[in-house]
């Protein structure tokens, strides 16, 4: 998302956390799981 928007990643993790949360909420609402969450779940299982 940061790359797509042309902003540094910390813009989403520090300045615009509401947009970050909105993005992840929309991903979940559409039935998807964010890639980062999927990777973390796979790593936790392993």
ModelCIF file with pLDDT and N, C-alpha, C, O atoms, coordinates in Angstrom:
data_MODEL
#
_entry.id   MODEL 
#
_entity.id                         1 
_entity.type                       polymer 
_entity.pdbx_number_of_molecules   1 
#
_entity_poly.entity_id                      1 
_entity_poly.type                           'polypeptide(L)' 
_entity_poly.nstd_linkage                   no 
_entity_poly.nstd_monomer                   no 
_entity_poly.pdbx_seq_one_letter_code       
;(UNK)(UNK)(UNK)(UNK)(UNK)(UNK)(UNK)(UNK)(UNK)(UNK)(UNK)(UNK)(UNK)(UNK)(UNK)(UNK)
(UNK)(UNK)(UNK)(UNK)(UNK)(UNK)(UNK)(UNK)(UNK)(UNK)(UNK)(UNK)(UNK)(UNK)(UNK)(UNK)
(UNK)(UNK)(UNK)(UNK)(UNK)(UNK)(UNK)(UNK)(UNK)(UNK)(UNK)(UNK)(UNK)(UNK)
;
_entity_poly.pdbx_seq_one_letter_code_can   XXXXXXXXXXXXXXXXXXXXXXXXXXXXXXXXXXXXXXXXXXXXXX 
_entity_poly.pdbx_strand_id                 A 
#
loop_
_entity_poly_seq.entity_id 
_entity_poly_seq.num 
_entity_poly_seq.mon_id 
_entity_poly_seq.hetero 
1 1  UNK n 
1 2  UNK n 
1 3  UNK n 
1 4  UNK n 
1 5  UNK n 
1 6  UNK n 
1 7  UNK n 
1 8  UNK n 
1 9  UNK n 
1 10 UNK n 
1 11 UNK n 
1 12 UNK n 
1 13 UNK n 
1 14 UNK n 
1 15 UNK n 
1 16 UNK n 
1 17 UNK n 
1 18 UNK n 
1 19 UNK n 
1 20 UNK n 
1 21 UNK n 
1 22 UNK n 
1 23 UNK n 
1 24 UNK n 
1 25 UNK n 
1 26 UNK n 
1 27 UNK n 
1 28 UNK n 
1 29 UNK n 
1 30 UNK n 
1 31 UNK n 
1 32 UNK n 
1 33 UNK n 
1 34 UNK n 
1 35 UNK n 
1 36 UNK n 
1 37 UNK n 
1 38 UNK n 
1 39 UNK n 
1 40 UNK n 
1 41 UNK n 
1 42 UNK n 
1 43 UNK n 
1 44 UNK n 
1 45 UNK n 
1 46 UNK n 
#
_struct_asym.id          A 
_struct_asym.entity_id   1 
#
loop_
_ma_qa_metric.id 
_ma_qa_metric.mode 
_ma_qa_metric.name 
_ma_qa_metric.software_group_id 
_ma_qa_metric.type 
1 global pLDDT . pLDDT 
2 local  pLDDT . pLDDT 
#
_ma_qa_metric_global.metric_id      1 
_ma_qa_metric_global.metric_value   88.09 
_ma_qa_metric_global.model_id       1 
_ma_qa_metric_global.ordinal_id     1 
#
loop_
_ma_qa_metric_local.label_asym_id 
_ma_qa_metric_local.label_comp_id 
_ma_qa_metric_local.label_seq_id 
_ma_qa_metric_local.metric_id 
_ma_qa_metric_local.metric_value 
_ma_qa_metric_local.model_id 
_ma_qa_metric_local.ordinal_id 
A UNK 1  2 95.00 1 1  
A UNK 2  2 95.00 1 2  
A UNK 3  2 95.00 1 3  
A UNK 4  2 95.00 1 4  
A UNK 5  2 95.00 1 5  
A UNK 6  2 95.00 1 6  
A UNK 7  2 95.00 1 7  
A UNK 8  2 94.00 1 8  
A UNK 9  2 93.00 1 9  
A UNK 10 2 93.00 1 10 
A UNK 11 2 92.00 1 11 
A UNK 12 2 92.00 1 12 
A UNK 13 2 91.00 1 13 
A UNK 14 2 94.00 1 14 
A UNK 15 2 92.00 1 15 
A UNK 16 2 94.00 1 16 
A UNK 17 2 94.00 1 17 
A UNK 18 2 95.00 1 18 
A UNK 19 2 95.00 1 19 
A UNK 20 2 94.00 1 20 
A UNK 21 2 94.00 1 21 
A UNK 22 2 94.00 1 22 
A UNK 23 2 93.00 1 23 
A UNK 24 2 89.00 1 24 
A UNK 25 2 91.00 1 25 
A UNK 26 2 90.00 1 26 
A UNK 27 2 86.00 1 27 
A UNK 28 2 84.00 1 28 
A UNK 29 2 87.00 1 29 
A UNK 30 2 81.00 1 30 
A UNK 31 2 78.00 1 31 
A UNK 32 2 70.00 1 32 
A UNK 33 2 71.00 1 33 
A UNK 34 2 68.00 1 34 
A UNK 35 2 70.00 1 35 
A UNK 36 2 69.00 1 36 
A UNK 37 2 72.00 1 37 
A UNK 38 2 77.00 1 38 
A UNK 39 2 81.00 1 39 
A UNK 40 2 81.00 1 40 
A UNK 41 2 84.00 1 41 
A UNK 42 2 90.00 1 42 
A UNK 43 2 92.00 1 43 
A UNK 44 2 92.00 1 44 
A UNK 45 2 94.00 1 45 
A UNK 46 2 96.00 1 46 
#
loop_
_atom_site.group_PDB 
_atom_site.id 
_atom_site.type_symbol 
_atom_site.label_atom_id 
_atom_site.label_alt_id 
_atom_site.label_comp_id 
_atom_site.label_asym_id 
_atom_site.label_entity_id 
_atom_site.label_seq_id 
_atom_site.pdbx_PDB_ins_code 
_atom_site.Cartn_x 
_atom_site.Cartn_y 
_atom_site.Cartn_z 
_atom_site.occupancy 
_atom_site.B_iso_or_equiv 
_atom_site.pdbx_formal_charge 
_atom_site.auth_seq_id 
_atom_site.auth_comp_id 
_atom_site.auth_asym_id 
_atom_site.auth_atom_id 
_atom_site.pdbx_PDB_model_num 
ATOM 1   N N  . UNK A 1 1  ? 0.837   -1.209  0.000  1.00 95.00 ? 1  UNK A N  1 
ATOM 2   C CA . UNK A 1 1  ? 0.000   0.000   0.000  1.00 95.00 ? 1  UNK A CA 1 
ATOM 3   C C  . UNK A 1 1  ? 0.866   1.250   0.000  1.00 95.00 ? 1  UNK A C  1 
ATOM 4   O O  . UNK A 1 1  ? 0.593   2.194   -0.741 1.00 95.00 ? 1  UNK A O  1 
ATOM 5   N N  . UNK A 1 2  ? 1.904   1.264   0.822  1.00 95.00 ? 2  UNK A N  1 
ATOM 6   C CA . UNK A 1 2  ? 2.800   2.424   0.873  1.00 95.00 ? 2  UNK A CA 1 
ATOM 7   C C  . UNK A 1 2  ? 3.484   2.624   -0.476 1.00 95.00 ? 2  UNK A C  1 
ATOM 8   O O  . UNK A 1 2  ? 3.579   3.748   -0.969 1.00 95.00 ? 2  UNK A O  1 
ATOM 9   N N  . UNK A 1 3  ? 3.954   1.545   -1.063 1.00 95.00 ? 3  UNK A N  1 
ATOM 10  C CA . UNK A 1 3  ? 4.613   1.630   -2.370 1.00 95.00 ? 3  UNK A CA 1 
ATOM 11  C C  . UNK A 1 3  ? 3.627   2.131   -3.419 1.00 95.00 ? 3  UNK A C  1 
ATOM 12  O O  . UNK A 1 3  ? 3.962   2.989   -4.236 1.00 95.00 ? 3  UNK A O  1 
ATOM 13  N N  . UNK A 1 4  ? 2.428   1.599   -3.392 1.00 95.00 ? 4  UNK A N  1 
ATOM 14  C CA . UNK A 1 4  ? 1.396   2.003   -4.352 1.00 95.00 ? 4  UNK A CA 1 
ATOM 15  C C  . UNK A 1 4  ? 1.053   3.494   -4.204 1.00 95.00 ? 4  UNK A C  1 
ATOM 16  O O  . UNK A 1 4  ? 0.815   4.186   -5.194 1.00 95.00 ? 4  UNK A O  1 
ATOM 17  N N  . UNK A 1 5  ? 1.032   3.972   -2.964 1.00 95.00 ? 5  UNK A N  1 
ATOM 18  C CA . UNK A 1 5  ? 0.689   5.378   -2.709 1.00 95.00 ? 5  UNK A CA 1 
ATOM 19  C C  . UNK A 1 5  ? 1.878   6.310   -2.878 1.00 95.00 ? 5  UNK A C  1 
ATOM 20  O O  . UNK A 1 5  ? 1.711   7.528   -2.931 1.00 95.00 ? 5  UNK A O  1 
ATOM 21  N N  . UNK A 1 6  ? 3.078   5.745   -2.961 1.00 95.00 ? 6  UNK A N  1 
ATOM 22  C CA . UNK A 1 6  ? 4.270   6.578   -3.090 1.00 95.00 ? 6  UNK A CA 1 
ATOM 23  C C  . UNK A 1 6  ? 4.607   7.305   -1.806 1.00 95.00 ? 6  UNK A C  1 
ATOM 24  O O  . UNK A 1 6  ? 5.094   8.435   -1.827 1.00 95.00 ? 6  UNK A O  1 
ATOM 25  N N  . UNK A 1 7  ? 4.338   6.636   -0.668 1.00 95.00 ? 7  UNK A N  1 
ATOM 26  C CA . UNK A 1 7  ? 4.649   7.228   0.636  1.00 95.00 ? 7  UNK A CA 1 
ATOM 27  C C  . UNK A 1 7  ? 5.543   6.261   1.406  1.00 95.00 ? 7  UNK A C  1 
ATOM 28  O O  . UNK A 1 7  ? 5.542   5.065   1.119  1.00 95.00 ? 7  UNK A O  1 
ATOM 29  N N  . UNK A 1 8  ? 6.303   6.759   2.378  1.00 94.00 ? 8  UNK A N  1 
ATOM 30  C CA . UNK A 1 8  ? 7.097   5.835   3.185  1.00 94.00 ? 8  UNK A CA 1 
ATOM 31  C C  . UNK A 1 8  ? 6.166   4.958   4.034  1.00 94.00 ? 8  UNK A C  1 
ATOM 32  O O  . UNK A 1 8  ? 5.073   5.382   4.411  1.00 94.00 ? 8  UNK A O  1 
ATOM 33  N N  . UNK A 1 9  ? 6.607   3.753   4.324  1.00 93.00 ? 9  UNK A N  1 
ATOM 34  C CA . UNK A 1 9  ? 5.790   2.814   5.098  1.00 93.00 ? 9  UNK A CA 1 
ATOM 35  C C  . UNK A 1 9  ? 5.410   3.394   6.450  1.00 93.00 ? 9  UNK A C  1 
ATOM 36  O O  . UNK A 1 9  ? 4.294   3.187   6.926  1.00 93.00 ? 9  UNK A O  1 
ATOM 37  N N  . UNK A 1 10 ? 6.334   4.122   7.070  1.00 93.00 ? 10 UNK A N  1 
ATOM 38  C CA . UNK A 1 10 ? 6.020   4.670   8.394  1.00 93.00 ? 10 UNK A CA 1 
ATOM 39  C C  . UNK A 1 10 ? 4.912   5.718   8.340  1.00 93.00 ? 10 UNK A C  1 
ATOM 40  O O  . UNK A 1 10 ? 4.356   6.074   9.379  1.00 93.00 ? 10 UNK A O  1 
ATOM 41  N N  . UNK A 1 11 ? 4.582   6.216   7.154  1.00 92.00 ? 11 UNK A N  1 
ATOM 42  C CA . UNK A 1 11 ? 3.437   7.126   7.046  1.00 92.00 ? 11 UNK A CA 1 
ATOM 43  C C  . UNK A 1 11 ? 2.169   6.389   7.457  1.00 92.00 ? 11 UNK A C  1 
ATOM 44  O O  . UNK A 1 11 ? 1.268   6.979   8.053  1.00 92.00 ? 11 UNK A O  1 
ATOM 45  N N  . UNK A 1 12 ? 2.099   5.107   7.139  1.00 92.00 ? 12 UNK A N  1 
ATOM 46  C CA . UNK A 1 12 ? 0.918   4.310   7.496  1.00 92.00 ? 12 UNK A CA 1 
ATOM 47  C C  . UNK A 1 12 ? 1.014   3.759   8.914  1.00 92.00 ? 12 UNK A C  1 
ATOM 48  O O  . UNK A 1 12 ? -0.004  3.610   9.589  1.00 92.00 ? 12 UNK A O  1 
ATOM 49  N N  . UNK A 1 13 ? 2.209   3.461   9.364  1.00 91.00 ? 13 UNK A N  1 
ATOM 50  C CA . UNK A 1 13 ? 2.342   2.846   10.690 1.00 91.00 ? 13 UNK A CA 1 
ATOM 51  C C  . UNK A 1 13 ? 2.434   3.878   11.804 1.00 91.00 ? 13 UNK A C  1 
ATOM 52  O O  . UNK A 1 13 ? 2.276   3.538   12.977 1.00 91.00 ? 13 UNK A O  1 
ATOM 53  N N  . UNK A 1 14 ? 2.691   5.150   11.448 1.00 94.00 ? 14 UNK A N  1 
ATOM 54  C CA . UNK A 1 14 ? 2.832   6.167   12.487 1.00 94.00 ? 14 UNK A CA 1 
ATOM 55  C C  . UNK A 1 14 ? 1.873   7.349   12.308 1.00 94.00 ? 14 UNK A C  1 
ATOM 56  O O  . UNK A 1 14 ? 1.229   7.763   13.273 1.00 94.00 ? 14 UNK A O  1 
ATOM 57  N N  . UNK A 1 15 ? 1.767   7.893   11.107 1.00 92.00 ? 15 UNK A N  1 
ATOM 58  C CA . UNK A 1 15 ? 0.950   9.094   10.908 1.00 92.00 ? 15 UNK A CA 1 
ATOM 59  C C  . UNK A 1 15 ? -0.507  8.794   10.561 1.00 92.00 ? 15 UNK A C  1 
ATOM 60  O O  . UNK A 1 15 ? -1.420  9.498   10.993 1.00 92.00 ? 15 UNK A O  1 
ATOM 61  N N  . UNK A 1 16 ? -0.706  7.744   9.781  1.00 94.00 ? 16 UNK A N  1 
ATOM 62  C CA . UNK A 1 16 ? -2.061  7.457   9.281  1.00 94.00 ? 16 UNK A CA 1 
ATOM 63  C C  . UNK A 1 16 ? -2.497  6.052   9.685  1.00 94.00 ? 16 UNK A C  1 
ATOM 64  O O  . UNK A 1 16 ? -2.897  5.242   8.849  1.00 94.00 ? 16 UNK A O  1 
ATOM 65  N N  . UNK A 1 17 ? -2.413  5.790   10.960 1.00 94.00 ? 17 UNK A N  1 
ATOM 66  C CA . UNK A 1 17 ? -2.784  4.446   11.437 1.00 94.00 ? 17 UNK A CA 1 
ATOM 67  C C  . UNK A 1 17 ? -4.265  4.169   11.182 1.00 94.00 ? 17 UNK A C  1 
ATOM 68  O O  . UNK A 1 17 ? -4.658  3.014   11.017 1.00 94.00 ? 17 UNK A O  1 
ATOM 69  N N  . UNK A 1 18 ? -5.087  5.218   11.149 1.00 95.00 ? 18 UNK A N  1 
ATOM 70  C CA . UNK A 1 18 ? -6.507  5.016   10.855 1.00 95.00 ? 18 UNK A CA 1 
ATOM 71  C C  . UNK A 1 18 ? -6.695  4.456   9.446  1.00 95.00 ? 18 UNK A C  1 
ATOM 72  O O  . UNK A 1 18 ? -7.550  3.597   9.228  1.00 95.00 ? 18 UNK A O  1 
ATOM 73  N N  . UNK A 1 19 ? -5.901  4.936   8.492  1.00 95.00 ? 19 UNK A N  1 
ATOM 74  C CA . UNK A 1 19 ? -5.990  4.425   7.116  1.00 95.00 ? 19 UNK A CA 1 
ATOM 75  C C  . UNK A 1 19 ? -5.454  2.992   7.037  1.00 95.00 ? 19 UNK A C  1 
ATOM 76  O O  . UNK A 1 19 ? -5.991  2.160   6.305  1.00 95.00 ? 19 UNK A O  1 
ATOM 77  N N  . UNK A 1 20 ? -4.408  2.720   7.785  1.00 94.00 ? 20 UNK A N  1 
ATOM 78  C CA . UNK A 1 20 ? -3.877  1.351   7.823  1.00 94.00 ? 20 UNK A CA 1 
ATOM 79  C C  . UNK A 1 20 ? -4.946  0.406   8.357  1.00 94.00 ? 20 UNK A C  1 
ATOM 80  O O  . UNK A 1 20 ? -5.196  -0.648  7.771  1.00 94.00 ? 20 UNK A O  1 
ATOM 81  N N  . UNK A 1 21 ? -5.576  0.779   9.467  1.00 94.00 ? 21 UNK A N  1 
ATOM 82  C CA . UNK A 1 21 ? -6.622  -0.058  10.064 1.00 94.00 ? 21 UNK A CA 1 
ATOM 83  C C  . UNK A 1 21 ? -7.823  -0.199  9.130  1.00 94.00 ? 21 UNK A C  1 
ATOM 84  O O  . UNK A 1 21 ? -8.422  -1.270  9.033  1.00 94.00 ? 21 UNK A O  1 
ATOM 85  N N  . UNK A 1 22 ? -8.163  0.882   8.453  1.00 94.00 ? 22 UNK A N  1 
ATOM 86  C CA . UNK A 1 22 ? -9.266  0.855   7.491  1.00 94.00 ? 22 UNK A CA 1 
ATOM 87  C C  . UNK A 1 22 ? -8.949  -0.107  6.344  1.00 94.00 ? 22 UNK A C  1 
ATOM 88  O O  . UNK A 1 22 ? -9.812  -0.865  5.902  1.00 94.00 ? 22 UNK A O  1 
ATOM 89  N N  . UNK A 1 23 ? -7.708  -0.066  5.872  1.00 93.00 ? 23 UNK A N  1 
ATOM 90  C CA . UNK A 1 23 ? -7.287  -0.963  4.787  1.00 93.00 ? 23 UNK A CA 1 
ATOM 91  C C  . UNK A 1 23 ? -7.422  -2.421  5.210  1.00 93.00 ? 23 UNK A C  1 
ATOM 92  O O  . UNK A 1 23 ? -8.006  -3.229  4.487  1.00 93.00 ? 23 UNK A O  1 
ATOM 93  N N  . UNK A 1 24 ? -6.886  -2.757  6.374  1.00 89.00 ? 24 UNK A N  1 
ATOM 94  C CA . UNK A 1 24 ? -6.965  -4.147  6.840  1.00 89.00 ? 24 UNK A CA 1 
ATOM 95  C C  . UNK A 1 24 ? -8.412  -4.560  7.121  1.00 89.00 ? 24 UNK A C  1 
ATOM 96  O O  . UNK A 1 24 ? -8.782  -5.709  6.878  1.00 89.00 ? 24 UNK A O  1 
ATOM 97  N N  . UNK A 1 25 ? -9.225  -3.643  7.626  1.00 91.00 ? 25 UNK A N  1 
ATOM 98  C CA . UNK A 1 25 ? -10.642 -3.962  7.872  1.00 91.00 ? 25 UNK A CA 1 
ATOM 99  C C  . UNK A 1 25 ? -11.347 -4.253  6.555  1.00 91.00 ? 25 UNK A C  1 
ATOM 100 O O  . UNK A 1 25 ? -12.162 -5.172  6.475  1.00 91.00 ? 25 UNK A O  1 
ATOM 101 N N  . UNK A 1 26 ? -11.040 -3.478  5.528  1.00 90.00 ? 26 UNK A N  1 
ATOM 102 C CA . UNK A 1 26 ? -11.652 -3.697  4.213  1.00 90.00 ? 26 UNK A CA 1 
ATOM 103 C C  . UNK A 1 26 ? -11.204 -5.030  3.620  1.00 90.00 ? 26 UNK A C  1 
ATOM 104 O O  . UNK A 1 26 ? -12.002 -5.740  3.009  1.00 90.00 ? 26 UNK A O  1 
ATOM 105 N N  . UNK A 1 27 ? -9.945  -5.363  3.798  1.00 86.00 ? 27 UNK A N  1 
ATOM 106 C CA . UNK A 1 27 ? -9.434  -6.648  3.302  1.00 86.00 ? 27 UNK A CA 1 
ATOM 107 C C  . UNK A 1 27 ? -10.191 -7.789  3.971  1.00 86.00 ? 27 UNK A C  1 
ATOM 108 O O  . UNK A 1 27 ? -10.620 -8.727  3.300  1.00 86.00 ? 27 UNK A O  1 
ATOM 109 N N  . UNK A 1 28 ? -10.357 -7.710  5.299  1.00 84.00 ? 28 UNK A N  1 
ATOM 110 C CA . UNK A 1 28 ? -11.075 -8.765  6.030  1.00 84.00 ? 28 UNK A CA 1 
ATOM 111 C C  . UNK A 1 28 ? -12.551 -8.813  5.638  1.00 84.00 ? 28 UNK A C  1 
ATOM 112 O O  . UNK A 1 28 ? -13.132 -9.891  5.520  1.00 84.00 ? 28 UNK A O  1 
ATOM 113 N N  . UNK A 1 29 ? -13.152 -7.642  5.438  1.00 87.00 ? 29 UNK A N  1 
ATOM 114 C CA . UNK A 1 29 ? -14.572 -7.578  5.075  1.00 87.00 ? 29 UNK A CA 1 
ATOM 115 C C  . UNK A 1 29 ? -14.829 -8.231  3.723  1.00 87.00 ? 29 UNK A C  1 
ATOM 116 O O  . UNK A 1 29 ? -15.907 -8.775  3.483  1.00 87.00 ? 29 UNK A O  1 
ATOM 117 N N  . UNK A 1 30 ? -13.852 -8.174  2.859  1.00 81.00 ? 30 UNK A N  1 
ATOM 118 C CA . UNK A 1 30 ? -14.002 -8.791  1.541  1.00 81.00 ? 30 UNK A CA 1 
ATOM 119 C C  . UNK A 1 30 ? -13.692 -10.281 1.577  1.00 81.00 ? 30 UNK A C  1 
ATOM 120 O O  . UNK A 1 30 ? -13.663 -10.945 0.540  1.00 81.00 ? 30 UNK A O  1 
ATOM 121 N N  . UNK A 1 31 ? -13.460 -10.800 2.781  1.00 78.00 ? 31 UNK A N  1 
ATOM 122 C CA . UNK A 1 31 ? -13.202 -12.240 2.910  1.00 78.00 ? 31 UNK A CA 1 
ATOM 123 C C  . UNK A 1 31 ? -11.750 -12.612 2.716  1.00 78.00 ? 31 UNK A C  1 
ATOM 124 O O  . UNK A 1 31 ? -11.403 -13.793 2.711  1.00 78.00 ? 31 UNK A O  1 
ATOM 125 N N  . UNK A 1 32 ? -10.923 -11.642 2.561  1.00 70.00 ? 32 UNK A N  1 
ATOM 126 C CA . UNK A 1 32 ? -9.508  -11.919 2.372  1.00 70.00 ? 32 UNK A CA 1 
ATOM 127 C C  . UNK A 1 32 ? -8.756  -11.805 3.673  1.00 70.00 ? 32 UNK A C  1 
ATOM 128 O O  . UNK A 1 32 ? -9.219  -11.195 4.637  1.00 70.00 ? 32 UNK A O  1 
ATOM 129 N N  . UNK A 1 33 ? -7.607  -12.396 3.676  1.00 71.00 ? 33 UNK A N  1 
ATOM 130 C CA . UNK A 1 33 ? -6.703  -12.264 4.811  1.00 71.00 ? 33 UNK A CA 1 
ATOM 131 C C  . UNK A 1 33 ? -5.467  -11.546 4.306  1.00 71.00 ? 33 UNK A C  1 
ATOM 132 O O  . UNK A 1 33 ? -4.897  -11.938 3.288  1.00 71.00 ? 33 UNK A O  1 
ATOM 133 N N  . UNK A 1 34 ? -5.047  -10.506 4.998  1.00 68.00 ? 34 UNK A N  1 
ATOM 134 C CA . UNK A 1 34 ? -3.841  -9.811  4.541  1.00 68.00 ? 34 UNK A CA 1 
ATOM 135 C C  . UNK A 1 34 ? -2.667  -10.786 4.421  1.00 68.00 ? 34 UNK A C  1 
ATOM 136 O O  . UNK A 1 34 ? -2.524  -11.713 5.218  1.00 68.00 ? 34 UNK A O  1 
ATOM 137 N N  . UNK A 1 35 ? -1.844  -10.556 3.416  1.00 70.00 ? 35 UNK A N  1 
ATOM 138 C CA . UNK A 1 35 ? -0.689  -11.431 3.184  1.00 70.00 ? 35 UNK A CA 1 
ATOM 139 C C  . UNK A 1 35 ? 0.202   -11.521 4.412  1.00 70.00 ? 35 UNK A C  1 
ATOM 140 O O  . UNK A 1 35 ? 0.722   -12.590 4.731  1.00 70.00 ? 35 UNK A O  1 
ATOM 141 N N  . UNK A 1 36 ? 0.379   -10.396 5.103  1.00 69.00 ? 36 UNK A N  1 
ATOM 142 C CA . UNK A 1 36 ? 1.243   -10.415 6.283  1.00 69.00 ? 36 UNK A CA 1 
ATOM 143 C C  . UNK A 1 36 ? 0.670   -11.337 7.353  1.00 69.00 ? 36 UNK A C  1 
ATOM 144 O O  . UNK A 1 36 ? 1.409   -12.066 8.014  1.00 69.00 ? 36 UNK A O  1 
ATOM 145 N N  . UNK A 1 37 ? -0.646  -11.300 7.519  1.00 72.00 ? 37 UNK A N  1 
ATOM 146 C CA . UNK A 1 37 ? -1.285  -12.178 8.511  1.00 72.00 ? 37 UNK A CA 1 
ATOM 147 C C  . UNK A 1 37 ? -1.155  -13.639 8.087  1.00 72.00 ? 37 UNK A C  1 
ATOM 148 O O  . UNK A 1 37 ? -0.903  -14.508 8.921  1.00 72.00 ? 37 UNK A O  1 
ATOM 149 N N  . UNK A 1 38 ? -1.325  -13.906 6.812  1.00 77.00 ? 38 UNK A N  1 
ATOM 150 C CA . UNK A 1 38 ? -1.189  -15.268 6.302  1.00 77.00 ? 38 UNK A CA 1 
ATOM 151 C C  . UNK A 1 38 ? 0.226   -15.795 6.538  1.00 77.00 ? 38 UNK A C  1 
ATOM 152 O O  . UNK A 1 38 ? 0.418   -16.931 6.972  1.00 77.00 ? 38 UNK A O  1 
ATOM 153 N N  . UNK A 1 39 ? 1.218   -14.939 6.241  1.00 81.00 ? 39 UNK A N  1 
ATOM 154 C CA . UNK A 1 39 ? 2.614   -15.342 6.454  1.00 81.00 ? 39 UNK A CA 1 
ATOM 155 C C  . UNK A 1 39 ? 2.878   -15.609 7.928  1.00 81.00 ? 39 UNK A C  1 
ATOM 156 O O  . UNK A 1 39 ? 3.532   -16.590 8.281  1.00 81.00 ? 39 UNK A O  1 
ATOM 157 N N  . UNK A 1 40 ? 2.365   -14.729 8.790  1.00 81.00 ? 40 UNK A N  1 
ATOM 158 C CA . UNK A 1 40 ? 2.564   -14.916 10.228 1.00 81.00 ? 40 UNK A CA 1 
ATOM 159 C C  . UNK A 1 40 ? 1.909   -16.201 10.730 1.00 81.00 ? 40 UNK A C  1 
ATOM 160 O O  . UNK A 1 40 ? 2.480   -16.915 11.554 1.00 81.00 ? 40 UNK A O  1 
ATOM 161 N N  . UNK A 1 41 ? 0.715   -16.489 10.231 1.00 84.00 ? 41 UNK A N  1 
ATOM 162 C CA . UNK A 1 41 ? 0.038   -17.735 10.636 1.00 84.00 ? 41 UNK A CA 1 
ATOM 163 C C  . UNK A 1 41 ? 0.813   -18.957 10.167 1.00 84.00 ? 41 UNK A C  1 
ATOM 164 O O  . UNK A 1 41 ? 0.941   -19.938 10.899 1.00 84.00 ? 41 UNK A O  1 
ATOM 165 N N  . UNK A 1 42 ? 1.327   -18.896 8.950  1.00 90.00 ? 42 UNK A N  1 
ATOM 166 C CA . UNK A 1 42 ? 2.134   -20.008 8.433  1.00 90.00 ? 42 UNK A CA 1 
ATOM 167 C C  . UNK A 1 42 ? 3.393   -20.169 9.275  1.00 90.00 ? 42 UNK A C  1 
ATOM 168 O O  . UNK A 1 42 ? 3.769   -21.286 9.630  1.00 90.00 ? 42 UNK A O  1 
ATOM 169 N N  . UNK A 1 43 ? 4.033   -19.070 9.587  1.00 92.00 ? 43 UNK A N  1 
ATOM 170 C CA . UNK A 1 43 ? 5.243   -19.125 10.401 1.00 92.00 ? 43 UNK A CA 1 
ATOM 171 C C  . UNK A 1 43 ? 4.936   -19.639 11.805 1.00 92.00 ? 43 UNK A C  1 
ATOM 172 O O  . UNK A 1 43 ? 5.701   -20.431 12.356 1.00 92.00 ? 43 UNK A O  1 
ATOM 173 N N  . UNK A 1 44 ? 3.830   -19.197 12.384 1.00 92.00 ? 44 UNK A N  1 
ATOM 174 C CA . UNK A 1 44 ? 3.452   -19.664 13.723 1.00 92.00 ? 44 UNK A CA 1 
ATOM 175 C C  . UNK A 1 44 ? 3.190   -21.169 13.711 1.00 92.00 ? 44 UNK A C  1 
ATOM 176 O O  . UNK A 1 44 ? 3.603   -21.882 14.626 1.00 92.00 ? 44 UNK A O  1 
ATOM 177 N N  . UNK A 1 45 ? 2.506   -21.647 12.681 1.00 94.00 ? 45 UNK A N  1 
ATOM 178 C CA . UNK A 1 45 ? 2.235   -23.092 12.563 1.00 94.00 ? 45 UNK A CA 1 
ATOM 179 C C  . UNK A 1 45 ? 3.549   -23.865 12.437 1.00 94.00 ? 45 UNK A C  1 
ATOM 180 O O  . UNK A 1 45 ? 3.730   -24.899 13.081 1.00 94.00 ? 45 UNK A O  1 
ATOM 181 N N  . UNK A 1 46 ? 4.457   -23.361 11.611 1.00 96.00 ? 46 UNK A N  1 
ATOM 182 C CA . UNK A 1 46 ? 5.744   -24.028 11.426 1.00 96.00 ? 46 UNK A CA 1 
ATOM 183 C C  . UNK A 1 46 ? 6.549   -24.030 12.725 1.00 96.00 ? 46 UNK A C  1 
ATOM 184 O O  . UNK A 1 46 ? 7.664   -24.552 12.759 1.00 96.00 ? 46 UNK A O  1 
#
